[in-house]
Amino acid sequence: MYRFTNDYSEAAHPAILQAIAETSCEGNFGYGCDEHTARAAALVREVCAAPDALVQFLVGGTQTNLLAAAAFLRPHEAIIAAQSGHVCVHETGAIEATGHKCVAMPAEDGRLTPAAIRAAVEQHPDEHMVKPRMVYISNTTEVGTVYTTAQLEEIRAVCDELDLLLYLDGARLGSALALGCTTFADLARLCDAFSIGGTKNGALFGEAMVIVNPALQKDFRYIVKQRGALLAKGWLLGVQYEKLMENGAALYLEMAAHANGMAAALREGLAAHGYRFAPESPSNQQFPVLPDALLEKLEGRFHWEVMGRADDAHTVIRLVTSWATRPEAVQAFVAALD
């Protein structure tokens, strides 16, 4: 069976596994107080052109997002996010469990707009409601769309006007960067904090939280520890990000570009057969609308996620490619459409 279920079905890129194996018995200090983690953090700061950023390596995306809420917000403050945002839909109320509300706003194609941000603030005018304080976006979004640098600049401008923090979830950041829509340095320039996802781009596990705003850096590790997120074997994260970020994040971007390329081949093959997408996505997530009769014939040979019904005879599915997706898997899927 060929699986297009997600981009973390495979363990890790061989170079990552080799690096872990080679350092396995070094006897490193725990909790990220080791040389590998220190070098990895320095490489992140270098690639982001953010020499004063605080870099904290964490295990997973939900953990990273809830720590942003717990650390950056006062008790009465809330997060503005797209209705389809990961913090609103796929994190089992993790943000709310920190004591902070998610203000979910309509967002076309998964992208939050300055107008939606402004509307969220206007809908919460006084102390009888939560106070919107942080804008949450993800790049790529939950539906595979991307924010360009110009769009991020527009969001930054409205955040500055309304005294809001800007936090970017980069669980699938590699895909967005490989498309050339923005850069590491742009993110460091425009965001108060953002994450660089490894779990969905070739790492065994891991996310890098990059806190650019100095006002948000103090005591962050205390909150990481209090929330149970300070990994004792933290050097395992450091070793992985050393490999991902060296040579200007060459391996990180190479893996993401491969995933995007495989998705593009899927998209072209589906389009050539006359199928539409809901929505259109340039990234490694594709959402074709396919006849139920066709899906029945493909079952057992391929695996995907069902996103919902398009009509009585069609279903929207999600196909996800990764650093490990083989061309023959894509070719087999396209061929099977016949």
C-alpha atoms as a PDB file:
ATOM      1  CA  MET A   1       0.000   0.000   0.000  1.00  0.00           C
ATOM      2  CA  TYR A   2       1.129   3.518  -0.789  1.00  0.00           C
ATOM      3  CA  ARG A   3       0.345   5.917   2.053  1.00  0.00           C
ATOM      4  CA  PHE A   4      -0.407   9.598   1.555  1.00  0.00           C
ATOM      5  CA  THR A   5      -1.836   9.874   5.065  1.00  0.00           C
ATOM      6  CA  ASN A   6       0.577  12.422   6.538  1.00  0.00           C
ATOM      7  CA  ASP A   7       4.159  13.673   6.488  1.00  0.00           C
ATOM      8  CA  TYR A   8       5.300  11.944   9.677  1.00  0.00           C
ATOM      9  CA  SER A   9       4.554   8.314   8.855  1.00  0.00           C
ATOM     10  CA  GLU A  10       8.252   7.612   8.274  1.00  0.00           C
ATOM     11  CA  ALA A  11      10.665   7.739  11.220  1.00  0.00           C
ATOM     12  CA  ALA A  12      13.382  10.167  10.099  1.00  0.00           C
ATOM     13  CA  HIS A  13      15.820  10.998   7.340  1.00  0.00           C
ATOM     14  CA  PRO A  14      18.823   8.597   7.398  1.00  0.00           C
ATOM     15  CA  ALA A  15      21.213  11.478   8.140  1.00  0.00           C
ATOM     16  CA  ILE A  16      19.204  12.282  11.273  1.00  0.00           C
ATOM     17  CA  LEU A  17      19.167   8.661  12.439  1.00  0.00           C
ATOM     18  CA  GLN A  18      22.899   8.363  11.777  1.00  0.00           C
ATOM     19  CA  ALA A  19      23.621  11.489  13.805  1.00  0.00           C
ATOM     20  CA  ILE A  20      21.578  10.155  16.723  1.00  0.00           C
ATOM     21  CA  ALA A  21      23.348   6.782  16.534  1.00  0.00           C
ATOM     22  CA  GLU A  22      26.798   8.380  16.411  1.00  0.00           C
ATOM     23  CA  THR A  23      26.127  10.490  19.524  1.00  0.00           C
ATOM     24  CA  SER A  24      24.104   7.918  21.436  1.00  0.00           C
ATOM     25  CA  CYS A  25      26.809   6.980  23.951  1.00  0.00           C
ATOM     26  CA  GLU A  26      28.569  10.335  24.356  1.00  0.00           C
ATOM     27  CA  GLY A  27      27.146  10.921  27.813  1.00  0.00           C
ATOM     28  CA  ASN A  28      25.697  14.360  27.146  1.00  0.00           C
ATOM     29  CA  PHE A  29      24.338  16.690  29.817  1.00  0.00           C
ATOM     30  CA  GLY A  30      20.565  16.602  30.160  1.00  0.00           C
ATOM     31  CA  TYR A  31      17.713  19.059  29.603  1.00  0.00           C
ATOM     32  CA  GLY A  32      19.319  20.690  26.586  1.00  0.00           C
ATOM     33  CA  CYS A  33      22.421  21.854  28.468  1.00  0.00           C
ATOM     34  CA  ASP A  34      24.757  20.115  26.014  1.00  0.00           C
ATOM     35  CA  GLU A  35      27.067  21.199  23.214  1.00  0.00           C
ATOM     36  CA  HIS A  36      24.845  19.818  20.435  1.00  0.00           C
ATOM     37  CA  THR A  37      21.842  21.842  21.593  1.00  0.00           C
ATOM     38  CA  ALA A  38      23.952  24.962  22.009  1.00  0.00           C
ATOM     39  CA  ARG A  39      25.320  24.612  18.465  1.00  0.00           C
ATOM     40  CA  ALA A  40      21.863  23.861  17.075  1.00  0.00           C
ATOM     41  CA  ALA A  41      20.477  27.019  18.700  1.00  0.00           C
ATOM     42  CA  ALA A  42      23.353  29.041  17.264  1.00  0.00           C
ATOM     43  CA  LEU A  43      22.647  27.648  13.789  1.00  0.00           C
ATOM     44  CA  VAL A  44      18.958  28.568  14.111  1.00  0.00           C
ATOM     45  CA  ARG A  45      19.869  32.118  15.114  1.00  0.00           C
ATOM     46  CA  GLU A  46      22.295  32.311  12.208  1.00  0.00           C
ATOM     47  CA  VAL A  47      19.854  31.090   9.553  1.00  0.00           C
ATOM     48  CA  CYS A  48      17.186  33.440  10.940  1.00  0.00           C
ATOM     49  CA  ALA A  49      19.574  36.422  11.117  1.00  0.00           C
ATOM     50  CA  ALA A  50      18.355  36.853  14.705  1.00  0.00           C
ATOM     51  CA  PRO A  51      21.447  36.857  16.941  1.00  0.00           C
ATOM     52  CA  ASP A  52      19.502  37.752  20.093  1.00  0.00           C
ATOM     53  CA  ALA A  53      16.645  35.273  19.702  1.00  0.00           C
ATOM     54  CA  LEU A  54      15.944  32.700  22.395  1.00  0.00           C
ATOM     55  CA  VAL A  55      15.761  29.216  20.867  1.00  0.00           C
ATOM     56  CA  GLN A  56      14.097  26.402  22.805  1.00  0.00           C
ATOM     57  CA  PHE A  57      13.758  22.909  21.369  1.00  0.00           C
ATOM     58  CA  LEU A  58      10.531  21.071  22.144  1.00  0.00           C
ATOM     59  CA  VAL A  59       9.032  17.704  21.289  1.00  0.00           C
ATOM     60  CA  GLY A  60       5.761  18.399  19.467  1.00  0.00           C
ATOM     61  CA  GLY A  61       3.613  21.033  17.828  1.00  0.00           C
ATOM     62  CA  THR A  62       0.705  21.098  20.281  1.00  0.00           C
ATOM     63  CA  GLN A  63       3.178  21.346  23.144  1.00  0.00           C
ATOM     64  CA  THR A  64       4.889  24.277  21.421  1.00  0.00           C
ATOM     65  CA  ASN A  65       1.641  26.143  20.798  1.00  0.00           C
ATOM     66  CA  LEU A  66       0.286  25.764  24.319  1.00  0.00           C
ATOM     67  CA  LEU A  67       3.612  26.940  25.736  1.00  0.00           C
ATOM     68  CA  ALA A  68       3.337  30.074  23.602  1.00  0.00           C
ATOM     69  CA  ALA A  69      -0.062  30.776  25.131  1.00  0.00           C
ATOM     70  CA  ALA A  70       1.034  29.951  28.670  1.00  0.00           C
ATOM     71  CA  ALA A  71       4.212  32.028  28.510  1.00  0.00           C
ATOM     72  CA  PHE A  72       3.252  35.037  26.420  1.00  0.00           C
ATOM     73  CA  LEU A  73      -0.242  35.902  27.716  1.00  0.00           C
ATOM     74  CA  ARG A  74      -1.668  37.333  30.927  1.00  0.00           C
ATOM     75  CA  PRO A  75      -4.661  35.482  32.438  1.00  0.00           C
ATOM     76  CA  HIS A  76      -7.349  37.613  30.773  1.00  0.00           C
ATOM     77  CA  GLU A  77      -5.777  37.625  27.314  1.00  0.00           C
ATOM     78  CA  ALA A  78      -6.817  35.568  24.277  1.00  0.00           C
ATOM     79  CA  ILE A  79      -5.570  34.319  20.929  1.00  0.00           C
ATOM     80  CA  ILE A  80      -7.013  35.318  17.561  1.00  0.00           C
ATOM     81  CA  ALA A  81      -6.875  32.476  15.032  1.00  0.00           C
ATOM     82  CA  ALA A  82      -8.537  31.249  11.866  1.00  0.00           C
ATOM     83  CA  GLN A  83     -11.510  28.955  12.425  1.00  0.00           C
ATOM     84  CA  SER A  84      -9.531  26.189  10.741  1.00  0.00           C
ATOM     85  CA  GLY A  85      -6.408  26.906  12.793  1.00  0.00           C
ATOM     86  CA  HIS A  86      -4.714  23.988  14.504  1.00  0.00           C
ATOM     87  CA  VAL A  87      -5.140  25.564  17.947  1.00  0.00           C
ATOM     88  CA  CYS A  88      -8.895  25.823  17.358  1.00  0.00           C
ATOM     89  CA  VAL A  89      -9.580  22.425  15.821  1.00  0.00           C
ATOM     90  CA  HIS A  90      -6.913  19.776  16.405  1.00  0.00           C
ATOM     91  CA  GLU A  91      -5.429  20.330  19.851  1.00  0.00           C
ATOM     92  CA  THR A  92      -8.197  19.052  22.154  1.00  0.00           C
ATOM     93  CA  GLY A  93      -8.603  22.435  23.827  1.00  0.00           C
ATOM     94  CA  ALA A  94      -4.921  22.628  24.794  1.00  0.00           C
ATOM     95  CA  ILE A  95      -4.944  26.410  24.529  1.00  0.00           C
ATOM     96  CA  GLU A  96      -8.105  26.686  26.608  1.00  0.00           C
ATOM     97  CA  ALA A  97      -6.540  24.342  29.158  1.00  0.00           C
ATOM     98  CA  THR A  98      -3.859  26.983  29.747  1.00  0.00           C
ATOM     99  CA  GLY A  99      -6.663  29.378  30.740  1.00  0.00           C
ATOM    100  CA  HIS A 100      -6.718  31.332  27.486  1.00  0.00           C
ATOM    101  CA  LYS A 101      -9.528  31.537  24.959  1.00  0.00           C
ATOM    102  CA  CYS A 102      -9.198  31.085  21.202  1.00  0.00           C
ATOM    103  CA  VAL A 103     -11.160  33.693  19.264  1.00  0.00           C
ATOM    104  CA  ALA A 104     -11.887  31.838  16.026  1.00  0.00           C
ATOM    105  CA  MET A 105     -12.441  34.038  12.974  1.00  0.00           C
ATOM    106  CA  PRO A 106     -13.609  33.181   9.434  1.00  0.00           C
ATOM    107  CA  ALA A 107     -10.605  32.879   7.138  1.00  0.00           C
ATOM    108  CA  GLU A 108     -10.769  32.247   3.407  1.00  0.00           C
ATOM    109  CA  ASP A 109      -8.477  29.396   2.387  1.00  0.00           C
ATOM    110  CA  GLY A 110      -7.241  29.114   5.970  1.00  0.00           C
ATOM    111  CA  ARG A 111      -5.432  32.474   5.949  1.00  0.00           C
ATOM    112  CA  LEU A 112      -6.189  35.081   8.583  1.00  0.00           C
ATOM    113  CA  THR A 113      -6.502  38.606   7.177  1.00  0.00           C
ATOM    114  CA  PRO A 114      -5.860  42.027   8.737  1.00  0.00           C
ATOM    115  CA  ALA A 115      -9.603  42.725   8.444  1.00  0.00           C
ATOM    116  CA  ALA A 116     -10.449  39.593  10.435  1.00  0.00           C
ATOM    117  CA  ILE A 117      -7.896  40.511  13.104  1.00  0.00           C
ATOM    118  CA  ARG A 118      -9.341  44.006  13.379  1.00  0.00           C
ATOM    119  CA  ALA A 119     -12.867  42.599  13.621  1.00  0.00           C
ATOM    120  CA  ALA A 120     -11.849  40.245  16.439  1.00  0.00           C
ATOM    121  CA  VAL A 121     -10.501  43.151  18.464  1.00  0.00           C
ATOM    122  CA  GLU A 122     -13.582  45.260  17.809  1.00  0.00           C
ATOM    123  CA  GLN A 123     -15.825  42.408  18.987  1.00  0.00           C
ATOM    124  CA  HIS A 124     -14.078  42.425  22.386  1.00  0.00           C
ATOM    125  CA  PRO A 125     -14.272  46.072  23.453  1.00  0.00           C
ATOM    126  CA  ASP A 126     -14.144  45.982  27.240  1.00  0.00           C
ATOM    127  CA  GLU A 127     -13.311  44.155  30.473  1.00  0.00           C
ATOM    128  CA  HIS A 128     -16.465  42.021  30.323  1.00  0.00           C
ATOM    129  CA  MET A 129     -14.798  39.950  27.622  1.00  0.00           C
ATOM    130  CA  VAL A 130     -11.399  38.440  27.088  1.00  0.00           C
ATOM    131  CA  LYS A 131      -8.835  40.788  25.584  1.00  0.00           C
ATOM    132  CA  PRO A 132      -7.337  39.650  22.253  1.00  0.00           C
ATOM    133  CA  ARG A 133      -3.576  39.901  22.622  1.00  0.00           C
ATOM    134  CA  MET A 134      -1.871  37.394  20.322  1.00  0.00           C
ATOM    135  CA  VAL A 135      -2.480  36.548  16.678  1.00  0.00           C
ATOM    136  CA  TYR A 136      -1.907  32.897  15.773  1.00  0.00           C
ATOM    137  CA  ILE A 137      -1.194  31.924  12.167  1.00  0.00           C
ATOM    138  CA  SER A 138       0.438  28.882  10.621  1.00  0.00           C
ATOM    139  CA  ASN A 139       2.588  28.616   7.517  1.00  0.00           C
ATOM    140  CA  THR A 140       1.621  26.460   5.765  1.00  0.00           C
ATOM    141  CA  THR A 141      -2.000  26.604   6.925  1.00  0.00           C
ATOM    142  CA  GLU A 142      -4.168  23.636   7.826  1.00  0.00           C
ATOM    143  CA  VAL A 143      -5.434  23.555   4.251  1.00  0.00           C
ATOM    144  CA  GLY A 144      -2.045  23.848   2.604  1.00  0.00           C
ATOM    145  CA  THR A 145      -2.173  27.518   1.657  1.00  0.00           C
ATOM    146  CA  VAL A 146       0.757  29.821   2.382  1.00  0.00           C
ATOM    147  CA  TYR A 147       1.392  33.354   3.584  1.00  0.00           C
ATOM    148  CA  THR A 148       3.744  35.443   1.482  1.00  0.00           C
ATOM    149  CA  THR A 149       6.150  37.931   2.998  1.00  0.00           C
ATOM    150  CA  ALA A 150       3.883  40.751   1.812  1.00  0.00           C
ATOM    151  CA  GLN A 151       0.892  39.206   3.601  1.00  0.00           C
ATOM    152  CA  LEU A 152       2.934  38.732   6.769  1.00  0.00           C
ATOM    153  CA  GLU A 153       3.962  42.389   6.591  1.00  0.00           C
ATOM    154  CA  GLU A 154       0.299  43.422   6.392  1.00  0.00           C
ATOM    155  CA  ILE A 155      -0.520  41.302   9.439  1.00  0.00           C
ATOM    156  CA  ARG A 156       2.485  42.710  11.303  1.00  0.00           C
ATOM    157  CA  ALA A 157       1.280  46.245  10.573  1.00  0.00           C
ATOM    158  CA  VAL A 158      -2.177  45.633  12.047  1.00  0.00           C
ATOM    159  CA  CYS A 159      -0.619  43.868  15.047  1.00  0.00           C
ATOM    160  CA  ASP A 160       1.561  46.906  15.707  1.00  0.00           C
ATOM    161  CA  GLU A 161      -1.447  49.218  15.332  1.00  0.00           C
ATOM    162  CA  LEU A 162      -3.597  47.202  17.760  1.00  0.00           C
ATOM    163  CA  ASP A 163      -0.816  46.222  20.204  1.00  0.00           C
ATOM    164  CA  LEU A 164      -0.970  42.515  19.382  1.00  0.00           C
ATOM    165  CA  LEU A 165       1.720  39.856  19.424  1.00  0.00           C
ATOM    166  CA  LEU A 166       2.261  37.769  16.294  1.00  0.00           C
ATOM    167  CA  TYR A 167       3.014  34.071  16.713  1.00  0.00           C
ATOM    168  CA  LEU A 168       3.533  31.767  13.736  1.00  0.00           C
ATOM    169  CA  ASP A 169       3.134  27.989  14.007  1.00  0.00           C
ATOM    170  CA  GLY A 170       5.731  26.487  11.698  1.00  0.00           C
ATOM    171  CA  ALA A 171       4.846  22.813  12.010  1.00  0.00           C
ATOM    172  CA  ARG A 172       4.955  22.667   8.193  1.00  0.00           C
ATOM    173  CA  LEU A 173       7.187  25.682   7.747  1.00  0.00           C
ATOM    174  CA  GLY A 174       9.621  23.773   5.536  1.00  0.00           C
ATOM    175  CA  SER A 175       7.015  23.443   2.806  1.00  0.00           C
ATOM    176  CA  ALA A 176       6.299  27.188   2.839  1.00  0.00           C
ATOM    177  CA  LEU A 177       9.981  28.138   2.811  1.00  0.00           C
ATOM    178  CA  ALA A 178      10.792  25.732  -0.009  1.00  0.00           C
ATOM    179  CA  LEU A 179       8.089  27.398  -2.099  1.00  0.00           C
ATOM    180  CA  GLY A 180       9.970  30.676  -1.742  1.00  0.00           C
ATOM    181  CA  CYS A 181       6.990  32.543  -0.287  1.00  0.00           C
ATOM    182  CA  THR A 182       9.080  33.881   2.616  1.00  0.00           C
ATOM    183  CA  THR A 183      12.389  33.317   4.424  1.00  0.00           C
ATOM    184  CA  PHE A 184      13.666  32.482   7.892  1.00  0.00           C
ATOM    185  CA  ALA A 185      14.938  36.057   8.206  1.00  0.00           C
ATOM    186  CA  ASP A 186      11.552  37.494   7.240  1.00  0.00           C
ATOM    187  CA  LEU A 187       9.893  35.463   9.980  1.00  0.00           C
ATOM    188  CA  ALA A 188      12.375  36.716  12.563  1.00  0.00           C
ATOM    189  CA  ARG A 189      11.803  40.277  11.369  1.00  0.00           C
ATOM    190  CA  LEU A 190       8.005  40.116  11.397  1.00  0.00           C
ATOM    191  CA  CYS A 191       7.038  37.697  14.202  1.00  0.00           C
ATOM    192  CA  ASP A 192       7.397  38.042  17.950  1.00  0.00           C
ATOM    193  CA  ALA A 193       7.898  34.277  18.048  1.00  0.00           C
ATOM    194  CA  PHE A 194       7.602  31.349  15.662  1.00  0.00           C
ATOM    195  CA  SER A 195       8.364  27.655  15.475  1.00  0.00           C
ATOM    196  CA  ILE A 196      10.428  25.663  13.009  1.00  0.00           C
ATOM    197  CA  GLY A 197       8.806  22.260  12.680  1.00  0.00           C
ATOM    198  CA  GLY A 198      10.937  19.145  12.448  1.00  0.00           C
ATOM    199  CA  THR A 199       8.395  16.395  13.156  1.00  0.00           C
ATOM    200  CA  LYS A 200       6.695  16.897   9.773  1.00  0.00           C
ATOM    201  CA  ASN A 201       9.912  17.527   7.867  1.00  0.00           C
ATOM    202  CA  GLY A 202      12.268  14.630   8.355  1.00  0.00           C
ATOM    203  CA  ALA A 203      13.119  14.746  12.056  1.00  0.00           C
ATOM    204  CA  LEU A 204      12.396  11.856  14.383  1.00  0.00           C
ATOM    205  CA  PHE A 205      10.535  14.418  16.496  1.00  0.00           C
ATOM    206  CA  GLY A 206      11.033  18.031  17.462  1.00  0.00           C
ATOM    207  CA  GLU A 207      10.064  21.684  17.051  1.00  0.00           C
ATOM    208  CA  ALA A 208      12.272  24.723  17.540  1.00  0.00           C
ATOM    209  CA  MET A 209      10.614  27.676  19.286  1.00  0.00           C
ATOM    210  CA  VAL A 210      12.283  30.926  18.231  1.00  0.00           C
ATOM    211  CA  ILE A 211      11.405  33.854  20.523  1.00  0.00           C
ATOM    212  CA  VAL A 212      12.548  37.080  18.905  1.00  0.00           C
ATOM    213  CA  ASN A 213      10.782  39.606  21.146  1.00  0.00           C
ATOM    214  CA  PRO A 214      13.015  40.144  24.219  1.00  0.00           C
ATOM    215  CA  ALA A 215       9.974  40.880  26.394  1.00  0.00           C
ATOM    216  CA  LEU A 216       8.760  37.297  25.892  1.00  0.00           C
ATOM    217  CA  GLN A 217      12.036  35.538  26.635  1.00  0.00           C
ATOM    218  CA  LYS A 218      12.331  35.886  30.408  1.00  0.00           C
ATOM    219  CA  ASP A 219      11.766  32.679  32.392  1.00  0.00           C
ATOM    220  CA  PHE A 220      10.527  30.749  29.357  1.00  0.00           C
ATOM    221  CA  ARG A 221      12.415  27.628  30.435  1.00  0.00           C
ATOM    222  CA  TYR A 222      10.664  27.768  33.822  1.00  0.00           C
ATOM    223  CA  ILE A 223       7.324  27.517  32.052  1.00  0.00           C
ATOM    224  CA  VAL A 224       8.631  24.777  29.755  1.00  0.00           C
ATOM    225  CA  LYS A 225       9.633  22.748  32.810  1.00  0.00           C
ATOM    226  CA  GLN A 226       6.417  23.470  34.699  1.00  0.00           C
ATOM    227  CA  ARG A 227       4.362  22.234  31.735  1.00  0.00           C
ATOM    228  CA  GLY A 228       6.322  18.974  31.567  1.00  0.00           C
ATOM    229  CA  ALA A 229       8.011  19.861  28.285  1.00  0.00           C
ATOM    230  CA  LEU A 230      11.685  20.009  29.285  1.00  0.00           C
ATOM    231  CA  LEU A 231      13.043  16.791  27.809  1.00  0.00           C
ATOM    232  CA  ALA A 232      15.626  15.060  30.007  1.00  0.00           C
ATOM    233  CA  LYS A 233      17.389  13.677  26.926  1.00  0.00           C
ATOM    234  CA  GLY A 234      17.278  17.107  25.338  1.00  0.00           C
ATOM    235  CA  TRP A 235      20.449  16.472  23.373  1.00  0.00           C
ATOM    236  CA  LEU A 236      18.371  14.252  21.071  1.00  0.00           C
ATOM    237  CA  LEU A 237      16.617  17.409  19.892  1.00  0.00           C
ATOM    238  CA  GLY A 238      19.884  19.295  19.631  1.00  0.00           C
ATOM    239  CA  VAL A 239      21.546  16.617  17.511  1.00  0.00           C
ATOM    240  CA  GLN A 240      18.640  16.595  15.075  1.00  0.00           C
ATOM    241  CA  TYR A 241      18.518  20.361  14.641  1.00  0.00           C
ATOM    242  CA  GLU A 242      22.290  20.479  14.223  1.00  0.00           C
ATOM    243  CA  LYS A 243      21.827  18.328  11.147  1.00  0.00           C
ATOM    244  CA  LEU A 244      18.693  20.129   9.931  1.00  0.00           C
ATOM    245  CA  MET A 245      20.112  23.653  10.242  1.00  0.00           C
ATOM    246  CA  GLU A 246      23.740  23.239   9.165  1.00  0.00           C
ATOM    247  CA  ASN A 247      24.872  24.726   5.850  1.00  0.00           C
ATOM    248  CA  GLY A 248      22.057  27.252   5.865  1.00  0.00           C
ATOM    249  CA  ALA A 249      19.372  24.658   6.672  1.00  0.00           C
ATOM    250  CA  ALA A 250      20.265  22.810   3.466  1.00  0.00           C
ATOM    251  CA  LEU A 251      18.859  19.417   4.495  1.00  0.00           C
ATOM    252  CA  TYR A 252      15.715  20.982   5.951  1.00  0.00           C
ATOM    253  CA  LEU A 253      14.921  22.845   2.748  1.00  0.00           C
ATOM    254  CA  GLU A 254      15.952  19.936   0.522  1.00  0.00           C
ATOM    255  CA  MET A 255      13.506  17.571   2.217  1.00  0.00           C
ATOM    256  CA  ALA A 256      10.682  20.112   2.044  1.00  0.00           C
ATOM    257  CA  ALA A 257      11.359  20.790  -1.639  1.00  0.00           C
ATOM    258  CA  HIS A 258      11.134  17.056  -2.368  1.00  0.00           C
ATOM    259  CA  ALA A 259       7.785  16.822  -0.562  1.00  0.00           C
ATOM    260  CA  ASN A 260       6.486  19.823  -2.499  1.00  0.00           C
ATOM    261  CA  GLY A 261       7.699  18.309  -5.760  1.00  0.00           C
ATOM    262  CA  MET A 262       5.900  15.037  -5.133  1.00  0.00           C
ATOM    263  CA  ALA A 263       2.729  16.941  -4.245  1.00  0.00           C
ATOM    264  CA  ALA A 264       3.022  18.983  -7.435  1.00  0.00           C
ATOM    265  CA  ALA A 265       3.239  15.782  -9.460  1.00  0.00           C
ATOM    266  CA  LEU A 266       0.099  14.489  -7.735  1.00  0.00           C
ATOM    267  CA  ARG A 267      -1.681  17.782  -8.351  1.00  0.00           C
ATOM    268  CA  GLU A 268      -0.750  17.828 -12.032  1.00  0.00           C
ATOM    269  CA  GLY A 269      -1.843  14.226 -12.513  1.00  0.00           C
ATOM    270  CA  LEU A 270      -5.191  14.822 -10.839  1.00  0.00           C
ATOM    271  CA  ALA A 271      -5.774  18.042 -12.763  1.00  0.00           C
ATOM    272  CA  ALA A 272      -4.947  16.293 -16.036  1.00  0.00           C
ATOM    273  CA  HIS A 273      -7.781  13.874 -15.271  1.00  0.00           C
ATOM    274  CA  GLY A 274     -10.162  16.801 -14.761  1.00  0.00           C
ATOM    275  CA  TYR A 275     -10.453  16.721 -10.984  1.00  0.00           C
ATOM    276  CA  ARG A 276     -10.763  19.918  -8.936  1.00  0.00           C
ATOM    277  CA  PHE A 277      -9.387  20.782  -5.513  1.00  0.00           C
ATOM    278  CA  ALA A 278     -10.969  22.228  -2.354  1.00  0.00           C
ATOM    279  CA  PRO A 279      -9.023  24.357  -1.772  1.00  0.00           C
ATOM    280  CA  GLU A 280      -6.155  24.876  -4.205  1.00  0.00           C
ATOM    281  CA  SER A 281      -2.871  24.272  -2.395  1.00  0.00           C
ATOM    282  CA  PRO A 282       0.721  24.804  -3.591  1.00  0.00           C
ATOM    283  CA  SER A 283       2.240  22.883  -0.685  1.00  0.00           C
ATOM    284  CA  ASN A 284       2.716  19.246   0.268  1.00  0.00           C
ATOM    285  CA  GLN A 285      -0.966  18.860   1.215  1.00  0.00           C
ATOM    286  CA  GLN A 286      -3.432  18.327  -1.626  1.00  0.00           C
ATOM    287  CA  PHE A 287      -7.228  18.249  -1.302  1.00  0.00           C
ATOM    288  CA  PRO A 288      -8.804  16.740  -4.434  1.00  0.00           C
ATOM    289  CA  VAL A 289     -12.536  16.267  -4.843  1.00  0.00           C
ATOM    290  CA  LEU A 290     -12.996  12.708  -6.104  1.00  0.00           C
ATOM    291  CA  PRO A 291     -15.997  10.535  -7.035  1.00  0.00           C
ATOM    292  CA  ASP A 292     -16.977   8.045  -4.365  1.00  0.00           C
ATOM    293  CA  ALA A 293     -16.978   5.285  -6.958  1.00  0.00           C
ATOM    294  CA  LEU A 294     -13.343   6.006  -7.782  1.00  0.00           C
ATOM    295  CA  LEU A 295     -12.324   6.067  -4.116  1.00  0.00           C
ATOM    296  CA  GLU A 296     -13.900   2.668  -3.611  1.00  0.00           C
ATOM    297  CA  LYS A 297     -11.689   1.284  -6.369  1.00  0.00           C
ATOM    298  CA  LEU A 298      -8.549   2.929  -4.933  1.00  0.00           C
ATOM    299  CA  GLU A 299      -9.105   1.669  -1.390  1.00  0.00           C
ATOM    300  CA  GLY A 300      -6.669  -1.022  -0.345  1.00  0.00           C
ATOM    301  CA  ARG A 301      -3.933   0.211  -2.679  1.00  0.00           C
ATOM    302  CA  PHE A 302      -3.582   3.743  -1.277  1.00  0.00           C
ATOM    303  CA  HIS A 303      -4.317   5.486   1.992  1.00  0.00           C
ATOM    304  CA  TRP A 304      -5.529   9.061   2.543  1.00  0.00           C
ATOM    305  CA  GLU A 305      -7.554  11.096   5.027  1.00  0.00           C
ATOM    306  CA  VAL A 306     -11.186  11.964   4.395  1.00  0.00           C
ATOM    307  CA  MET A 307     -11.880  15.671   4.910  1.00  0.00           C
ATOM    308  CA  GLY A 308     -15.616  15.715   4.214  1.00  0.00           C
ATOM    309  CA  ARG A 309     -18.422  15.381   1.698  1.00  0.00           C
ATOM    310  CA  ALA A 310     -18.420  17.613  -1.376  1.00  0.00           C
ATOM    311  CA  ASP A 311     -21.856  16.436  -2.536  1.00  0.00           C
ATOM    312  CA  ASP A 312     -23.890  13.247  -2.704  1.00  0.00           C
ATOM    313  CA  ALA A 313     -21.406  11.569  -5.023  1.00  0.00           C
ATOM    314  CA  HIS A 314     -18.040  13.185  -4.225  1.00  0.00           C
ATOM    315  CA  THR A 315     -15.659  13.338  -1.260  1.00  0.00           C
ATOM    316  CA  VAL A 316     -12.815  15.725  -0.419  1.00  0.00           C
ATOM    317  CA  ILE A 317      -9.726  13.788   0.610  1.00  0.00           C
ATOM    318  CA  ARG A 318      -6.291  14.885   1.763  1.00  0.00           C
ATOM    319  CA  LEU A 319      -3.126  13.556   0.159  1.00  0.00           C
ATOM    320  CA  VAL A 320       0.124  14.424   1.954  1.00  0.00           C
ATOM    321  CA  THR A 321       3.640  13.904   0.650  1.00  0.00           C
ATOM    322  CA  SER A 322       6.872  13.889   2.646  1.00  0.00           C
ATOM    323  CA  TRP A 323      10.644  13.819   2.319  1.00  0.00           C
ATOM    324  CA  ALA A 324      10.338  10.045   1.871  1.00  0.00           C
ATOM    325  CA  THR A 325       7.565   9.927  -0.754  1.00  0.00           C
ATOM    326  CA  ARG A 326       8.832   7.946  -3.742  1.00  0.00           C
ATOM    327  CA  PRO A 327       8.101   8.971  -7.331  1.00  0.00           C
ATOM    328  CA  GLU A 328       6.741   5.512  -8.034  1.00  0.00           C
ATOM    329  CA  ALA A 329       4.059   6.023  -5.352  1.00  0.00           C
ATOM    330  CA  VAL A 330       2.877   9.173  -7.099  1.00  0.00           C
ATOM    331  CA  GLN A 331       3.064   7.517 -10.491  1.00  0.00           C
ATOM    332  CA  ALA A 332       1.047   4.568  -9.228  1.00  0.00           C
ATOM    333  CA  PHE A 333      -1.680   6.821  -7.847  1.00  0.00           C
ATOM    334  CA  VAL A 334      -1.970   8.865 -11.039  1.00  0.00           C
ATOM    335  CA  ALA A 335      -1.972   5.722 -13.157  1.00  0.00           C
ATOM    336  CA  ALA A 336      -4.699   4.229 -10.969  1.00  0.00           C
ATOM    337  CA  LEU A 337      -6.978   7.157 -11.811  1.00  0.00           C
ATOM    338  CA  ASP A 338      -7.462   5.570 -15.246  1.00  0.00           C
END
